[in-house]
C-alpha atoms as a PDB file:
ATOM      1  CA  MET A   1      70.462 -38.390  50.698  1.00  0.00           C
ATOM      2  CA  ALA A   2      73.217 -39.619  53.121  1.00  0.00           C
ATOM      3  CA  ARG A   3      75.183 -37.065  54.919  1.00  0.00           C
ATOM      4  CA  ARG A   4      78.431 -38.124  53.130  1.00  0.00           C
ATOM      5  CA  ASP A   5      76.775 -37.569  49.663  1.00  0.00           C
ATOM      6  CA  ALA A   6      75.612 -34.069  50.710  1.00  0.00           C
ATOM      7  CA  SER A   7      79.235 -33.345  51.892  1.00  0.00           C
ATOM      8  CA  GLU A   8      80.676 -34.577  48.637  1.00  0.00           C
ATOM      9  CA  LEU A   9      78.262 -32.281  46.633  1.00  0.00           C
ATOM     10  CA  ALA A  10      79.206 -29.287  48.860  1.00  0.00           C
ATOM     11  CA  GLN A  11      82.933 -30.028  48.294  1.00  0.00           C
ATOM     12  CA  ARG A  12      82.478 -30.390  44.466  1.00  0.00           C
ATOM     13  CA  LEU A  13      80.669 -27.043  44.403  1.00  0.00           C
ATOM     14  CA  GLY A  14      83.358 -25.481  46.541  1.00  0.00           C
ATOM     15  CA  ARG A  15      85.985 -26.481  43.978  1.00  0.00           C
ATOM     16  CA  GLN A  16      84.038 -24.355  41.457  1.00  0.00           C
ATOM     17  CA  ALA A  17      82.947 -21.685  43.943  1.00  0.00           C
ATOM     18  CA  GLU A  18      83.434 -18.707  41.573  1.00  0.00           C
ATOM     19  CA  ALA A  19      81.393 -20.417  38.863  1.00  0.00           C
ATOM     20  CA  VAL A  20      78.613 -21.232  41.341  1.00  0.00           C
ATOM     21  CA  CYS A  21      78.581 -17.704  42.547  1.00  0.00           C
ATOM     22  CA  ARG A  22      78.495 -16.244  39.086  1.00  0.00           C
ATOM     23  CA  HIS A  23      75.556 -18.515  38.277  1.00  0.00           C
ATOM     24  CA  TYR A  24      73.446 -18.382  41.391  1.00  0.00           C
ATOM     25  CA  LEU A  25      74.571 -15.065  42.973  1.00  0.00           C
ATOM     26  CA  SER A  26      74.797 -13.038  39.733  1.00  0.00           C
ATOM     27  CA  ALA A  27      73.949  -9.820  41.533  1.00  0.00           C
ATOM     28  CA  GLY A  28      77.451  -9.919  43.301  1.00  0.00           C
ATOM     29  CA  TYR A  29      80.987  -9.570  42.277  1.00  0.00           C
ATOM     30  CA  ARG A  30      84.442 -10.833  43.052  1.00  0.00           C
ATOM     31  CA  GLU A  31      86.763  -8.983  45.291  1.00  0.00           C
ATOM     32  CA  GLY A  32      90.080 -10.677  46.109  1.00  0.00           C
ATOM     33  CA  ARG A  33      89.528 -14.175  47.424  1.00  0.00           C
ATOM     34  CA  TYR A  34      85.748 -13.606  48.082  1.00  0.00           C
ATOM     35  CA  TRP A  35      82.448 -13.115  46.316  1.00  0.00           C
ATOM     36  CA  LEU A  36      80.443 -10.261  47.727  1.00  0.00           C
ATOM     37  CA  VAL A  37      76.595  -9.955  47.435  1.00  0.00           C
ATOM     38  CA  GLY A  38      73.657  -8.569  49.510  1.00  0.00           C
ATOM     39  CA  ASP A  39      72.438 -11.933  50.766  1.00  0.00           C
ATOM     40  CA  VAL A  40      71.987 -15.631  49.962  1.00  0.00           C
ATOM     41  CA  ARG A  41      68.817 -14.767  47.931  1.00  0.00           C
ATOM     42  CA  ASN A  42      70.930 -12.811  45.412  1.00  0.00           C
ATOM     43  CA  THR A  43      70.029  -9.365  46.508  1.00  0.00           C
ATOM     44  CA  PRO A  44      72.514  -6.693  45.406  1.00  0.00           C
ATOM     45  CA  GLY A  45      74.849  -5.542  48.122  1.00  0.00           C
ATOM     46  CA  ARG A  46      78.027  -6.562  49.964  1.00  0.00           C
ATOM     47  CA  SER A  47      77.117  -7.813  53.416  1.00  0.00           C
ATOM     48  CA  MET A  48      77.435 -11.547  52.469  1.00  0.00           C
ATOM     49  CA  PHE A  49      80.797 -13.003  51.418  1.00  0.00           C
ATOM     50  CA  VAL A  50      81.660 -16.327  49.949  1.00  0.00           C
ATOM     51  CA  ARG A  51      85.088 -17.818  50.248  1.00  0.00           C
ATOM     52  CA  LEU A  52      86.275 -18.709  46.731  1.00  0.00           C
ATOM     53  CA  LYS A  53      89.498 -20.447  47.667  1.00  0.00           C
ATOM     54  CA  GLY A  54      90.384 -22.846  50.544  1.00  0.00           C
ATOM     55  CA  ALA A  55      90.344 -26.416  51.552  1.00  0.00           C
ATOM     56  CA  ASP A  56      87.643 -28.977  50.670  1.00  0.00           C
ATOM     57  CA  SER A  57      86.146 -29.012  54.114  1.00  0.00           C
ATOM     58  CA  GLY A  58      86.427 -27.621  57.673  1.00  0.00           C
ATOM     59  CA  ARG A  59      87.018 -24.084  58.734  1.00  0.00           C
ATOM     60  CA  GLY A  60      87.823 -21.804  55.831  1.00  0.00           C
ATOM     61  CA  ALA A  61      86.747 -24.217  53.100  1.00  0.00           C
ATOM     62  CA  ALA A  62      85.943 -22.890  49.704  1.00  0.00           C
ATOM     63  CA  GLY A  63      82.242 -22.197  49.260  1.00  0.00           C
ATOM     64  CA  LYS A  64      81.558 -21.361  52.930  1.00  0.00           C
ATOM     65  CA  TRP A  65      79.702 -18.002  53.310  1.00  0.00           C
ATOM     66  CA  THR A  66      78.671 -15.629  56.066  1.00  0.00           C
ATOM     67  CA  ASP A  67      76.141 -12.846  55.959  1.00  0.00           C
ATOM     68  CA  ALA A  68      77.578 -10.112  58.275  1.00  0.00           C
ATOM     69  CA  ALA A  69      74.192  -8.354  58.434  1.00  0.00           C
ATOM     70  CA  THR A  70      72.143 -11.261  59.691  1.00  0.00           C
ATOM     71  CA  GLY A  71      74.736 -13.765  61.069  1.00  0.00           C
ATOM     72  CA  GLU A  72      73.536 -16.454  58.623  1.00  0.00           C
ATOM     73  CA  HIS A  73      76.120 -18.764  57.226  1.00  0.00           C
ATOM     74  CA  GLY A  74      76.332 -22.045  55.184  1.00  0.00           C
ATOM     75  CA  ASP A  75      77.777 -23.706  52.124  1.00  0.00           C
ATOM     76  CA  LEU A  76      76.900 -23.572  48.400  1.00  0.00           C
ATOM     77  CA  LEU A  77      74.087 -26.042  48.714  1.00  0.00           C
ATOM     78  CA  ASP A  78      72.306 -23.440  50.932  1.00  0.00           C
ATOM     79  CA  VAL A  79      73.018 -20.892  48.199  1.00  0.00           C
ATOM     80  CA  ILE A  80      71.347 -23.050  45.563  1.00  0.00           C
ATOM     81  CA  ARG A  81      68.413 -23.768  47.914  1.00  0.00           C
ATOM     82  CA  GLU A  82      67.701 -20.047  48.799  1.00  0.00           C
ATOM     83  CA  SER A  83      68.504 -18.495  45.455  1.00  0.00           C
ATOM     84  CA  CYS A  84      66.398 -20.976  43.566  1.00  0.00           C
ATOM     85  CA  GLY A  85      63.506 -20.996  46.029  1.00  0.00           C
ATOM     86  CA  LEU A  86      63.701 -24.745  46.525  1.00  0.00           C
ATOM     87  CA  ILE A  87      62.053 -26.589  49.517  1.00  0.00           C
ATOM     88  CA  ASP A  88      62.980 -30.258  49.421  1.00  0.00           C
ATOM     89  CA  PHE A  89      66.628 -31.201  49.709  1.00  0.00           C
ATOM     90  CA  LYS A  90      66.303 -33.736  46.901  1.00  0.00           C
ATOM     91  CA  ASP A  91      65.537 -30.785  44.523  1.00  0.00           C
ATOM     92  CA  VAL A  92      68.609 -28.916  45.851  1.00  0.00           C
ATOM     93  CA  ALA A  93      70.792 -31.933  45.188  1.00  0.00           C
ATOM     94  CA  GLU A  94      69.316 -32.391  41.742  1.00  0.00           C
ATOM     95  CA  GLU A  95      69.988 -28.750  40.909  1.00  0.00           C
ATOM     96  CA  ALA A  96      73.493 -29.129  42.157  1.00  0.00           C
ATOM     97  CA  ARG A  97      74.134 -32.273  40.140  1.00  0.00           C
ATOM     98  CA  THR A  98      72.694 -30.512  37.068  1.00  0.00           C
ATOM     99  CA  PHE A  99      75.151 -27.654  37.501  1.00  0.00           C
ATOM    100  CA  LEU A 100      78.042 -30.056  38.071  1.00  0.00           C
ATOM    101  CA  SER A 101      77.000 -32.310  35.146  1.00  0.00           C
ATOM    102  CA  LEU A 102      76.871 -35.265  37.481  1.00  0.00           C
ATOM    103  CA  PRO A 103      74.721 -38.405  36.969  1.00  0.00           C
ATOM    104  CA  HIS A 104      71.539 -38.482  39.063  1.00  0.00           C
ATOM    105  CA  PRO A 105      71.329 -41.303  41.608  1.00  0.00           C
ATOM    106  CA  GLU A 106      68.559 -43.880  41.687  1.00  0.00           C
ATOM    107  CA  PRO A 107      65.839 -42.875  44.283  1.00  0.00           C
ATOM    108  CA  ASP A 108      66.542 -44.163  47.799  1.00  0.00           C
ATOM    109  CA  PRO A 109      63.600 -46.449  48.718  1.00  0.00           C
ATOM    110  CA  ASP A 110      64.011 -45.554  52.416  1.00  0.00           C
ATOM    111  CA  HIS A 111      63.929 -41.940  51.595  1.00  0.00           C
ATOM    112  CA  GLN A 112      60.726 -42.394  49.456  1.00  0.00           C
ATOM    113  CA  ARG A 113      58.892 -43.915  52.369  1.00  0.00           C
ATOM    114  CA  ARG A 114      59.663 -40.931  54.624  1.00  0.00           C
ATOM    115  CA  PRO A 115      57.201 -38.202  54.377  1.00  0.00           C
ATOM    116  CA  ALA A 116      58.570 -34.929  53.072  1.00  0.00           C
ATOM    117  CA  SER A 117      58.868 -32.092  55.608  1.00  0.00           C
ATOM    118  CA  ALA A 118      57.073 -29.772  53.217  1.00  0.00           C
ATOM    119  CA  PRO A 119      55.395 -31.728  50.364  1.00  0.00           C
ATOM    120  CA  ALA A 120      55.654 -30.011  46.955  1.00  0.00           C
ATOM    121  CA  GLY A 121      52.644 -27.800  46.412  1.00  0.00           C
ATOM    122  CA  SER A 122      51.538 -27.827  50.020  1.00  0.00           C
ATOM    123  CA  PRO A 123      50.540 -24.783  52.078  1.00  0.00           C
ATOM    124  CA  GLU A 124      53.697 -25.191  54.102  1.00  0.00           C
ATOM    125  CA  ALA A 125      55.834 -25.120  50.861  1.00  0.00           C
ATOM    126  CA  ALA A 126      53.885 -22.044  49.875  1.00  0.00           C
ATOM    127  CA  ARG A 127      54.565 -20.260  53.083  1.00  0.00           C
ATOM    128  CA  ARG A 128      58.366 -21.054  52.846  1.00  0.00           C
ATOM    129  CA  LEU A 129      58.548 -19.750  49.393  1.00  0.00           C
ATOM    130  CA  PHE A 130      56.738 -16.493  50.370  1.00  0.00           C
ATOM    131  CA  ALA A 131      59.165 -16.148  53.384  1.00  0.00           C
ATOM    132  CA  MET A 132      62.166 -16.611  51.076  1.00  0.00           C
ATOM    133  CA  SER A 133      60.965 -13.803  48.865  1.00  0.00           C
ATOM    134  CA  ARG A 134      61.436 -10.043  49.516  1.00  0.00           C
ATOM    135  CA  PRO A 135      59.301  -6.843  49.081  1.00  0.00           C
ATOM    136  CA  ILE A 136      58.853  -5.661  45.541  1.00  0.00           C
ATOM    137  CA  THR A 137      60.125  -2.178  46.093  1.00  0.00           C
ATOM    138  CA  GLY A 138      62.957  -1.454  43.670  1.00  0.00           C
ATOM    139  CA  THR A 139      62.711  -4.814  41.969  1.00  0.00           C
ATOM    140  CA  ILE A 140      61.619  -5.904  38.415  1.00  0.00           C
ATOM    141  CA  VAL A 141      58.224  -6.692  39.855  1.00  0.00           C
ATOM    142  CA  GLU A 142      57.685  -2.935  40.070  1.00  0.00           C
ATOM    143  CA  THR A 143      59.053  -2.535  36.584  1.00  0.00           C
ATOM    144  CA  TYR A 144      56.680  -5.222  35.233  1.00  0.00           C
ATOM    145  CA  LEU A 145      53.546  -3.671  36.939  1.00  0.00           C
ATOM    146  CA  ARG A 146      54.521  -0.126  35.816  1.00  0.00           C
ATOM    147  CA  LYS A 147      54.844  -1.356  32.213  1.00  0.00           C
ATOM    148  CA  ARG A 148      51.273  -2.521  32.556  1.00  0.00           C
ATOM    149  CA  GLY A 149      50.212   1.005  33.756  1.00  0.00           C
ATOM    150  CA  ILE A 150      49.918   0.087  37.427  1.00  0.00           C
ATOM    151  CA  THR A 151      51.694   2.694  39.463  1.00  0.00           C
ATOM    152  CA  ALA A 152      49.633   2.687  42.694  1.00  0.00           C
ATOM    153  CA  LEU A 153      51.552   0.188  44.745  1.00  0.00           C
ATOM    154  CA  HIS A 154      50.538   1.100  48.277  1.00  0.00           C
ATOM    155  CA  GLY A 155      49.446  -1.784  50.586  1.00  0.00           C
ATOM    156  CA  THR A 156      50.930  -4.446  48.355  1.00  0.00           C
ATOM    157  CA  GLY A 157      52.559  -6.465  51.087  1.00  0.00           C
ATOM    158  CA  SER A 158      50.968  -9.603  49.670  1.00  0.00           C
ATOM    159  CA  LEU A 159      53.191  -9.330  46.694  1.00  0.00           C
ATOM    160  CA  ARG A 160      56.926 -10.216  46.869  1.00  0.00           C
ATOM    161  CA  PHE A 161      59.898 -10.793  44.521  1.00  0.00           C
ATOM    162  CA  HIS A 162      61.991 -13.820  44.159  1.00  0.00           C
ATOM    163  CA  PRO A 163      65.079 -13.467  41.817  1.00  0.00           C
ATOM    164  CA  ARG A 164      65.501 -17.107  40.932  1.00  0.00           C
ATOM    165  CA  CYS A 165      62.273 -19.027  41.356  1.00  0.00           C
ATOM    166  CA  TYR A 166      62.226 -22.665  40.552  1.00  0.00           C
ATOM    167  CA  TYR A 167      60.355 -23.559  37.295  1.00  0.00           C
ATOM    168  CA  ARG A 168      59.945 -26.997  35.682  1.00  0.00           C
ATOM    169  CA  PRO A 169      57.897 -27.257  32.532  1.00  0.00           C
ATOM    170  CA  ASP A 170      56.944 -30.831  33.269  1.00  0.00           C
ATOM    171  CA  GLU A 171      58.417 -33.881  35.231  1.00  0.00           C
ATOM    172  CA  HIS A 172      60.472 -34.911  32.313  1.00  0.00           C
ATOM    173  CA  SER A 173      62.123 -31.517  31.675  1.00  0.00           C
ATOM    174  CA  PRO A 174      65.169 -29.928  33.248  1.00  0.00           C
ATOM    175  CA  THR A 175      64.591 -27.286  35.883  1.00  0.00           C
ATOM    176  CA  GLU A 176      64.984 -23.600  35.111  1.00  0.00           C
ATOM    177  CA  THR A 177      65.046 -20.454  37.343  1.00  0.00           C
ATOM    178  CA  TRP A 178      63.396 -17.201  36.445  1.00  0.00           C
ATOM    179  CA  PRO A 179      62.629 -14.048  38.441  1.00  0.00           C
ATOM    180  CA  ALA A 180      59.064 -14.126  39.744  1.00  0.00           C
ATOM    181  CA  MET A 181      56.287 -12.145  41.341  1.00  0.00           C
ATOM    182  CA  ILE A 182      55.207 -14.145  44.399  1.00  0.00           C
ATOM    183  CA  ALA A 183      51.665 -13.450  45.710  1.00  0.00           C
ATOM    184  CA  SER A 184      50.382 -14.874  49.029  1.00  0.00           C
ATOM    185  CA  VAL A 185      46.979 -16.492  49.010  1.00  0.00           C
ATOM    186  CA  THR A 186      45.266 -16.095  52.388  1.00  0.00           C
ATOM    187  CA  ASP A 187      42.112 -17.100  54.135  1.00  0.00           C
ATOM    188  CA  LEU A 188      39.760 -14.685  55.890  1.00  0.00           C
ATOM    189  CA  ASP A 189      42.049 -14.685  59.020  1.00  0.00           C
ATOM    190  CA  GLY A 190      45.128 -13.725  57.011  1.00  0.00           C
ATOM    191  CA  ARG A 191      46.753 -17.012  57.133  1.00  0.00           C
ATOM    192  CA  ILE A 192      48.783 -18.018  54.132  1.00  0.00           C
ATOM    193  CA  THR A 193      47.309 -21.078  52.405  1.00  0.00           C
ATOM    194  CA  GLY A 194      49.075 -20.903  49.092  1.00  0.00           C
ATOM    195  CA  VAL A 195      51.044 -18.610  46.655  1.00  0.00           C
ATOM    196  CA  HIS A 196      50.756 -17.611  43.130  1.00  0.00           C
ATOM    197  CA  ARG A 197      53.834 -17.283  40.937  1.00  0.00           C
ATOM    198  CA  THR A 198      54.221 -15.116  37.846  1.00  0.00           C
ATOM    199  CA  TRP A 199      57.560 -15.757  36.311  1.00  0.00           C
ATOM    200  CA  LEU A 200      59.014 -12.687  34.629  1.00  0.00           C
ATOM    201  CA  SER A 201      61.581 -11.794  32.017  1.00  0.00           C
ATOM    202  CA  PRO A 202      64.948 -10.798  33.508  1.00  0.00           C
ATOM    203  CA  GLU A 203      64.476  -7.166  32.683  1.00  0.00           C
ATOM    204  CA  GLY A 204      60.905  -7.052  33.820  1.00  0.00           C
ATOM    205  CA  SER A 205      59.476  -6.133  30.380  1.00  0.00           C
ATOM    206  CA  GLY A 206      56.833  -8.848  30.577  1.00  0.00           C
ATOM    207  CA  LYS A 207      56.204 -12.459  31.547  1.00  0.00           C
ATOM    208  CA  ALA A 208      59.026 -14.979  31.079  1.00  0.00           C
ATOM    209  CA  PRO A 209      59.050 -16.764  27.750  1.00  0.00           C
ATOM    210  CA  ILE A 210      57.868 -20.057  29.059  1.00  0.00           C
ATOM    211  CA  ASP A 211      54.874 -22.216  28.477  1.00  0.00           C
ATOM    212  CA  THR A 212      53.066 -21.562  31.715  1.00  0.00           C
ATOM    213  CA  PRO A 213      54.326 -18.300  33.233  1.00  0.00           C
ATOM    214  CA  ARG A 214      51.590 -18.393  35.974  1.00  0.00           C
ATOM    215  CA  ARG A 215      51.139 -21.134  38.469  1.00  0.00           C
ATOM    216  CA  ALA A 216      49.508 -21.452  41.795  1.00  0.00           C
ATOM    217  CA  MET A 217      50.290 -23.839  44.734  1.00  0.00           C
ATOM    218  CA  GLY A 218      48.733 -24.673  48.053  1.00  0.00           C
ATOM    219  CA  GLU A 219      45.047 -24.544  49.130  1.00  0.00           C
ATOM    220  CA  LEU A 220      43.298 -21.976  46.892  1.00  0.00           C
ATOM    221  CA  LEU A 221      39.488 -22.738  47.055  1.00  0.00           C
ATOM    222  CA  GLY A 222      37.733 -19.880  48.857  1.00  0.00           C
ATOM    223  CA  HIS A 223      40.899 -17.903  49.440  1.00  0.00           C
ATOM    224  CA  ALA A 224      42.453 -15.053  47.542  1.00  0.00           C
ATOM    225  CA  VAL A 225      45.351 -12.599  47.182  1.00  0.00           C
ATOM    226  CA  ARG A 226      44.097  -9.776  49.320  1.00  0.00           C
ATOM    227  CA  LEU A 227      44.878  -6.034  49.087  1.00  0.00           C
ATOM    228  CA  CYS A 228      43.797  -4.488  52.459  1.00  0.00           C
ATOM    229  CA  THR A 229      41.406  -5.985  54.975  1.00  0.00           C
ATOM    230  CA  ALA A 230      37.748  -5.981  53.832  1.00  0.00           C
ATOM    231  CA  HIS A 231      34.942  -4.806  56.235  1.00  0.00           C
ATOM    232  CA  ASP A 232      31.585  -3.767  54.838  1.00  0.00           C
ATOM    233  CA  VAL A 233      32.555  -3.265  51.189  1.00  0.00           C
ATOM    234  CA  MET A 234      35.145  -5.000  48.920  1.00  0.00           C
ATOM    235  CA  ALA A 235      35.794  -5.848  45.257  1.00  0.00           C
ATOM    236  CA  ALA A 236      36.780  -9.259  44.027  1.00  0.00           C
ATOM    237  CA  GLY A 237      38.124 -10.273  40.613  1.00  0.00           C
ATOM    238  CA  GLU A 238      40.223 -12.940  38.798  1.00  0.00           C
ATOM    239  CA  GLY A 239      43.723 -11.770  38.040  1.00  0.00           C
ATOM    240  CA  ILE A 240      46.191  -9.868  40.173  1.00  0.00           C
ATOM    241  CA  GLU A 241      46.777  -7.307  37.329  1.00  0.00           C
ATOM    242  CA  THR A 242      43.065  -6.810  36.785  1.00  0.00           C
ATOM    243  CA  ILE A 243      42.509  -6.056  40.505  1.00  0.00           C
ATOM    244  CA  LEU A 244      45.557  -3.746  40.703  1.00  0.00           C
ATOM    245  CA  SER A 245      44.312  -1.896  37.631  1.00  0.00           C
ATOM    246  CA  LEU A 246      40.864  -1.439  39.196  1.00  0.00           C
ATOM    247  CA  ARG A 247      42.625  -0.233  42.309  1.00  0.00           C
ATOM    248  CA  MET A 248      44.131   2.612  40.267  1.00  0.00           C
ATOM    249  CA  ALA A 249      40.693   4.089  40.064  1.00  0.00           C
ATOM    250  CA  LEU A 250      39.522   2.998  43.611  1.00  0.00           C
ATOM    251  CA  PRO A 251      42.622   3.151  45.716  1.00  0.00           C
ATOM    252  CA  GLY A 252      40.734   2.991  49.081  1.00  0.00           C
ATOM    253  CA  LEU A 253      38.567  -0.007  48.234  1.00  0.00           C
ATOM    254  CA  PRO A 254      39.685  -3.297  49.745  1.00  0.00           C
ATOM    255  CA  MET A 255      40.124  -5.894  46.945  1.00  0.00           C
ATOM    256  CA  ALA A 256      40.958  -9.507  46.330  1.00  0.00           C
ATOM    257  CA  ALA A 257      42.159 -11.560  43.368  1.00  0.00           C
ATOM    258  CA  ALA A 258      40.784 -15.139  43.312  1.00  0.00           C
ATOM    259  CA  LEU A 259      43.231 -16.047  40.490  1.00  0.00           C
ATOM    260  CA  SER A 260      40.710 -17.825  38.271  1.00  0.00           C
ATOM    261  CA  ALA A 261      36.967 -17.631  37.223  1.00  0.00           C
ATOM    262  CA  ALA A 262      36.252 -20.857  39.150  1.00  0.00           C
ATOM    263  CA  HIS A 263      37.915 -19.672  42.320  1.00  0.00           C
ATOM    264  CA  LEU A 264      36.246 -16.379  42.018  1.00  0.00           C
ATOM    265  CA  ALA A 265      32.866 -18.010  42.053  1.00  0.00           C
ATOM    266  CA  ALA A 266      33.866 -19.772  45.288  1.00  0.00           C
ATOM    267  CA  ILE A 267      35.586 -16.863  47.183  1.00  0.00           C
ATOM    268  CA  LEU A 268      34.589 -16.703  50.855  1.00  0.00           C
ATOM    269  CA  PHE A 269      32.901 -13.630  52.291  1.00  0.00           C
ATOM    270  CA  PRO A 270      34.044 -11.733  55.489  1.00  0.00           C
ATOM    271  CA  ALA A 271      31.321 -11.880  58.116  1.00  0.00           C
ATOM    272  CA  THR A 272      31.024  -8.020  58.045  1.00  0.00           C
ATOM    273  CA  LEU A 273      30.642  -7.711  54.299  1.00  0.00           C
ATOM    274  CA  ARG A 274      27.416  -5.952  53.168  1.00  0.00           C
ATOM    275  CA  ARG A 275      28.376  -4.954  49.493  1.00  0.00           C
ATOM    276  CA  LEU A 276      30.462  -6.912  46.961  1.00  0.00           C
ATOM    277  CA  TYR A 277      31.707  -5.506  43.694  1.00  0.00           C
ATOM    278  CA  ILE A 278      32.508  -8.270  41.142  1.00  0.00           C
ATOM    279  CA  ALA A 279      35.280  -7.296  38.712  1.00  0.00           C
ATOM    280  CA  ARG A 280      34.355  -9.472  35.836  1.00  0.00           C
ATOM    281  CA  ASP A 281      36.455 -10.279  32.874  1.00  0.00           C
ATOM    282  CA  ASP A 282      34.578  -9.905  29.500  1.00  0.00           C
ATOM    283  CA  ASP A 283      34.440 -13.610  28.485  1.00  0.00           C
ATOM    284  CA  PRO A 284      32.159 -16.562  29.142  1.00  0.00           C
ATOM    285  CA  ALA A 285      34.068 -17.820  32.090  1.00  0.00           C
ATOM    286  CA  GLY A 286      33.888 -14.271  33.581  1.00  0.00           C
ATOM    287  CA  ASP A 287      30.089 -14.237  33.014  1.00  0.00           C
ATOM    288  CA  GLY A 288      29.715 -17.625  34.683  1.00  0.00           C
ATOM    289  CA  ALA A 289      31.790 -16.491  37.736  1.00  0.00           C
ATOM    290  CA  ARG A 290      29.782 -13.330  38.011  1.00  0.00           C
ATOM    291  CA  ASP A 291      26.397 -15.207  38.005  1.00  0.00           C
ATOM    292  CA  SER A 292      27.484 -17.763  40.531  1.00  0.00           C
ATOM    293  CA  LEU A 293      28.949 -15.161  42.859  1.00  0.00           C
ATOM    294  CA  VAL A 294      25.891 -12.894  42.637  1.00  0.00           C
ATOM    295  CA  GLU A 295      23.666 -15.730  43.630  1.00  0.00           C
ATOM    296  CA  ARG A 296      25.938 -16.796  46.551  1.00  0.00           C
ATOM    297  CA  ALA A 297      26.211 -13.190  47.805  1.00  0.00           C
ATOM    298  CA  ARG A 298      22.459 -12.528  47.600  1.00  0.00           C
ATOM    299  CA  ASP A 299      21.771 -15.791  49.571  1.00  0.00           C
ATOM    300  CA  ALA A 300      24.149 -14.502  52.267  1.00  0.00           C
ATOM    301  CA  GLY A 301      22.348 -11.083  52.435  1.00  0.00           C
ATOM    302  CA  ILE A 302      25.123  -9.266  50.598  1.00  0.00           C
ATOM    303  CA  GLU A 303      24.398  -6.781  47.806  1.00  0.00           C
ATOM    304  CA  ALA A 304      26.258  -7.813  44.739  1.00  0.00           C
ATOM    305  CA  ILE A 305      27.193  -5.325  41.911  1.00  0.00           C
ATOM    306  CA  ALA A 306      29.053  -6.371  38.815  1.00  0.00           C
ATOM    307  CA  LEU A 307      31.837  -4.030  37.469  1.00  0.00           C
ATOM    308  CA  SER A 308      32.356  -4.516  33.688  1.00  0.00           C
ATOM    309  CA  PRO A 309      35.336  -3.351  31.711  1.00  0.00           C
ATOM    310  CA  THR A 310      34.873  -1.513  28.452  1.00  0.00           C
ATOM    311  CA  LEU A 311      37.400  -3.827  26.752  1.00  0.00           C
ATOM    312  CA  GLY A 312      38.459  -7.308  27.727  1.00  0.00           C
ATOM    313  CA  ASP A 313      39.523  -6.658  31.281  1.00  0.00           C
ATOM    314  CA  PHE A 314      40.453  -3.628  33.508  1.00  0.00           C
ATOM    315  CA  ASN A 315      44.099  -3.756  32.764  1.00  0.00           C
ATOM    316  CA  GLU A 316      43.331  -3.499  29.018  1.00  0.00           C
ATOM    317  CA  ASP A 317      41.103  -0.552  29.825  1.00  0.00           C
ATOM    318  CA  LEU A 318      43.884   1.053  31.851  1.00  0.00           C
ATOM    319  CA  ARG A 319      46.580   0.628  29.235  1.00  0.00           C
ATOM    320  CA  THR A 320      44.450   1.367  26.179  1.00  0.00           C
ATOM    321  CA  LEU A 321      41.944   3.986  27.312  1.00  0.00           C
ATOM    322  CA  GLY A 322      43.876   5.540  30.222  1.00  0.00           C
ATOM    323  CA  ILE A 323      43.129   6.168  33.874  1.00  0.00           C
ATOM    324  CA  GLY A 324      40.647   8.998  33.211  1.00  0.00           C
ATOM    325  CA  ALA A 325      38.446   6.845  31.027  1.00  0.00           C
ATOM    326  CA  LEU A 326      38.648   3.998  33.481  1.00  0.00           C
ATOM    327  CA  ARG A 327      37.560   6.198  36.382  1.00  0.00           C
ATOM    328  CA  ALA A 328      34.646   7.592  34.364  1.00  0.00           C
ATOM    329  CA  ALA A 329      33.400   4.124  33.456  1.00  0.00           C
ATOM    330  CA  ILE A 330      33.719   2.787  37.008  1.00  0.00           C
ATOM    331  CA  ARG A 331      31.843   5.916  38.402  1.00  0.00           C
ATOM    332  CA  GLN A 332      28.766   4.954  36.381  1.00  0.00           C
ATOM    333  CA  GLN A 333      28.709   1.454  37.932  1.00  0.00           C
ATOM    334  CA  LEU A 334      29.266   2.239  41.655  1.00  0.00           C
ATOM    335  CA  ALA A 335      26.632   2.624  44.327  1.00  0.00           C
ATOM    336  CA  PRO A 336      26.168   6.408  44.840  1.00  0.00           C
ATOM    337  CA  GLU A 337      27.505   6.358  48.409  1.00  0.00           C
ATOM    338  CA  ASP A 338      30.662   4.609  47.260  1.00  0.00           C
ATOM    339  CA  VAL A 339      31.409   7.264  44.575  1.00  0.00           C
ATOM    340  CA  ALA A 340      32.181   9.792  47.327  1.00  0.00           C
ATOM    341  CA  ARG A 341      33.703   7.220  49.662  1.00  0.00           C
ATOM    342  CA  PHE A 342      36.160   5.564  47.246  1.00  0.00           C
ATOM    343  CA  LEU A 343      36.286   7.335  43.985  1.00  0.00           C
ATOM    344  CA  ALA A 344      36.999  10.755  45.476  1.00  0.00           C
ATOM    345  CA  LEU A 345      40.281   9.331  46.995  1.00  0.00           C
ATOM    346  CA  ALA A 346      41.573   8.839  43.474  1.00  0.00           C
ATOM    347  CA  ALA A 347      40.915  12.429  42.356  1.00  0.00           C
END
């Protein structure tokens, strides 16, 4: 997009500055000639202020904002980018045009030939989205997890919250924004290779009412969402909630969520690993992942032990049977030395 087109969009947004703020910075409020909010990512607070009235451009223009806590500043296009978790400017412009009910321009052939700075779905795009998100403490991610019986949230730095994460059902549908749990997918060296998004309902009572509330992006094969660094013993499973539920019974055991049965079967092993617990889901895909992973682990000289839920998965066990029953069932499946090492920590 040409610079003058971006300037025109920013000016048009500035003329509707209060409406823009109410939509994209809904955690804030108006005070006099300004909109006050915590930051450009729509965190509650008052350190960031947006000018609601002013000229179309230049110093003091409507829509200009400054965050007194960080020194960040910008215009309403920046607000749309950060609050929606967008990466490419063409998506920011499309979102702005949708808000303003403007026609969408034909693609610029020259722009199409230029490589994107962070291609959609790339590891770099994933790293940027994770960086734009914030810790889950005090957010609806906590609410969502607690409603699923998960209250042990220590060491969950791999999980973050984005208040308005970009969602598009398909390439022909309009974009939407929903709050989301953002999980970093990392390699064995801790480098982010992707992220997993779980879109949530605004109050955190469950997943968002959309067709695909879970999506991953980036390079996933062999990598995982990791909870603590594994050394000689670890557990690996499919879903994030499944692993967090198992962690309620074994809070000191390093764990990893591979995000699917196929990716669980391909997860990479730390060089120091000597025993691997496989947290399987009770379905054919879970059985296949277990069998493949057991074979790979044994070929690598690693003891592999399957942990089976009583019901469909460990979160269902936790919510239906309770933490006491979950611990009792897990105790029967652990290696004897790990009962004292890990299960005792949960007592």
